[in-house]
Protein backbone atom coordinates (compact mmCIF):
# COMPACT_ATOMS: atom_id res chain seq x y z
CA UNK A 1 -14.65 40.31 13.70
CA UNK A 2 -14.41 36.79 12.23
CA UNK A 3 -16.94 34.37 13.52
CA UNK A 4 -15.72 30.66 13.34
CA UNK A 5 -17.75 27.75 13.47
CA UNK A 6 -17.61 25.02 16.33
CA UNK A 7 -17.76 21.42 15.24
CA UNK A 8 -18.45 18.73 17.73
CA UNK A 9 -18.52 14.96 16.53
CA UNK A 10 -22.03 13.55 17.35
CA UNK A 11 -22.91 10.61 19.10
CA UNK A 12 -22.89 7.47 16.91
CA UNK A 13 -26.28 6.09 15.62
CA UNK A 14 -24.69 2.58 15.67
CA UNK A 15 -21.76 0.85 16.78
CA UNK A 16 -20.83 -2.70 15.51
CA UNK A 17 -17.89 -4.87 16.98
CA UNK A 18 -15.78 -7.60 15.40
CA UNK A 19 -16.68 -11.06 16.73
CA UNK A 20 -13.70 -13.16 17.44
CA UNK A 21 -15.43 -16.47 16.72
CA UNK A 22 -18.41 -15.58 14.67
CA UNK A 23 -21.03 -18.27 14.32
CA UNK A 24 -23.17 -16.65 11.49
CA UNK A 25 -21.84 -15.66 8.04
CA UNK A 26 -19.59 -12.77 8.45
CA UNK A 27 -17.23 -10.36 6.92
CA UNK A 28 -13.84 -9.90 8.79
CA UNK A 29 -15.66 -11.06 11.76
CA UNK A 30 -18.36 -8.46 11.57
CA UNK A 31 -21.85 -9.92 11.53
CA UNK A 32 -24.02 -6.86 12.42
CA UNK A 33 -24.05 -5.02 9.19
CA UNK A 34 -27.83 -5.23 9.14
CA UNK A 35 -27.95 -2.85 12.07
CA UNK A 36 -26.47 -0.13 9.96
CA UNK A 37 -28.99 1.88 7.55
CA UNK A 38 -29.31 1.03 3.94
CA UNK A 39 -31.00 4.56 3.00
CA UNK A 40 -29.31 7.15 4.74
CA UNK A 41 -25.76 8.96 4.41
CA UNK A 42 -23.43 9.92 7.11
CA UNK A 43 -19.90 9.43 8.04
CA UNK A 44 -18.21 6.06 9.71
CA UNK A 45 -15.22 5.53 11.83
CA UNK A 46 -13.17 2.27 11.81
CA UNK A 47 -10.97 1.64 15.08
CA UNK A 48 -8.56 -0.97 16.29
CA UNK A 49 -8.30 -2.80 19.42
CA UNK A 50 -6.48 0.27 21.15
CA UNK A 51 -9.33 2.30 20.07
CA UNK A 52 -7.24 4.41 17.77
CA UNK A 53 -8.95 5.70 14.70
CA UNK A 54 -7.94 3.99 11.67
CA UNK A 55 -10.04 5.55 9.03
CA UNK A 56 -13.04 7.98 8.74
CA UNK A 57 -15.26 7.87 5.62
CA UNK A 58 -18.56 9.45 4.21
CA UNK A 59 -21.22 7.82 2.25
CA UNK A 60 -24.57 8.75 0.75
CA UNK A 61 -25.56 5.19 1.63
CA UNK A 62 -23.86 3.83 4.58
CA UNK A 63 -24.18 0.15 4.64
CA UNK A 64 -23.13 -0.42 1.18
CA UNK A 65 -20.15 1.89 1.52
CA UNK A 66 -18.77 0.43 4.58
CA UNK A 67 -18.97 -3.16 3.27
CA UNK A 68 -17.24 -2.05 0.01
CA UNK A 69 -14.24 -1.24 2.29
CA UNK A 70 -13.99 -4.96 3.15
CA UNK A 71 -14.60 -6.18 -0.26
CA UNK A 72 -12.85 -3.95 -3.01
CA UNK A 73 -9.32 -3.83 -4.09
CA UNK A 74 -9.13 0.14 -3.82
CA UNK A 75 -9.91 1.01 -0.28
CA UNK A 76 -7.40 2.75 1.61
CA UNK A 77 -7.73 0.00 4.35
CA UNK A 78 -7.48 -2.91 1.85
CA UNK A 79 -4.11 -4.13 3.72
CA UNK A 80 -5.27 -3.19 7.22
CA UNK A 81 -8.88 -4.91 7.34
CA UNK A 82 -8.04 -7.23 10.03
CA UNK A 83 -7.04 -4.50 12.34
CA UNK A 84 -10.57 -3.21 12.37
CA UNK A 85 -12.69 -4.34 15.46
CA UNK A 86 -15.10 -1.62 15.97
CA UNK A 87 -17.23 0.58 13.43
CA UNK A 88 -18.89 3.59 14.43
CA UNK A 89 -21.79 5.09 12.15
CA UNK A 90 -23.27 8.59 12.27
CA UNK A 91 -26.24 9.63 10.24
CA UNK A 92 -25.31 13.17 8.50
CA UNK A 93 -27.80 13.99 5.78
CA UNK A 94 -26.36 17.08 4.23
CA UNK A 95 -23.37 16.10 1.78
CA UNK A 96 -21.47 19.32 2.58
CA UNK A 97 -21.75 18.60 6.35
CA UNK A 98 -20.51 14.99 5.63
CA UNK A 99 -17.36 16.30 3.95
CA UNK A 100 -16.84 18.92 6.70
CA UNK A 101 -17.17 15.98 9.31
CA UNK A 102 -14.91 13.44 7.58
CA UNK A 103 -12.02 15.99 6.99
CA UNK A 104 -12.25 17.42 10.76
CA UNK A 105 -12.42 13.93 12.22
CA UNK A 106 -9.65 12.72 10.12
CA UNK A 107 -7.50 15.66 11.26
CA UNK A 108 -8.65 16.11 15.00
CA UNK A 109 -8.33 12.25 15.72
CA UNK A 110 -5.34 11.79 13.44
CA UNK A 111 -6.85 8.98 11.41
CA UNK A 112 -4.08 6.52 10.66
CA UNK A 113 -5.11 5.71 6.99
CA UNK A 114 -6.80 8.93 5.85
CA UNK A 115 -3.65 10.37 4.34
CA UNK A 116 -5.74 12.21 1.62
CA UNK A 117 -7.64 14.32 4.19
CA UNK A 118 -4.87 15.20 6.50
CA UNK A 119 -3.90 18.86 6.45
């Protein structure tokens, strides 16, 4: 008998939203990066205004990695940053579990810009 694992997507630790007219300093309309941990690892999900998953990623240090997606020139979402209106952050300490979650979520929720993870 083969025993399979069951994967469930956890509840997000933090969800931040794009502000239409931000009064504070912002990156693509997001002002609440300070709510995302600097020290912990996990996965993150970027959604559009239709609540469709655009991208899921993993990181050893979440805040820095998420911000990089809005700043660097090699991010898979570099041409789609303006589409992101919601970011969900999940704490996942184990690096192997992060990899499993990232691949599972990309496929289960059909992440639009995770072409390298789709099976």
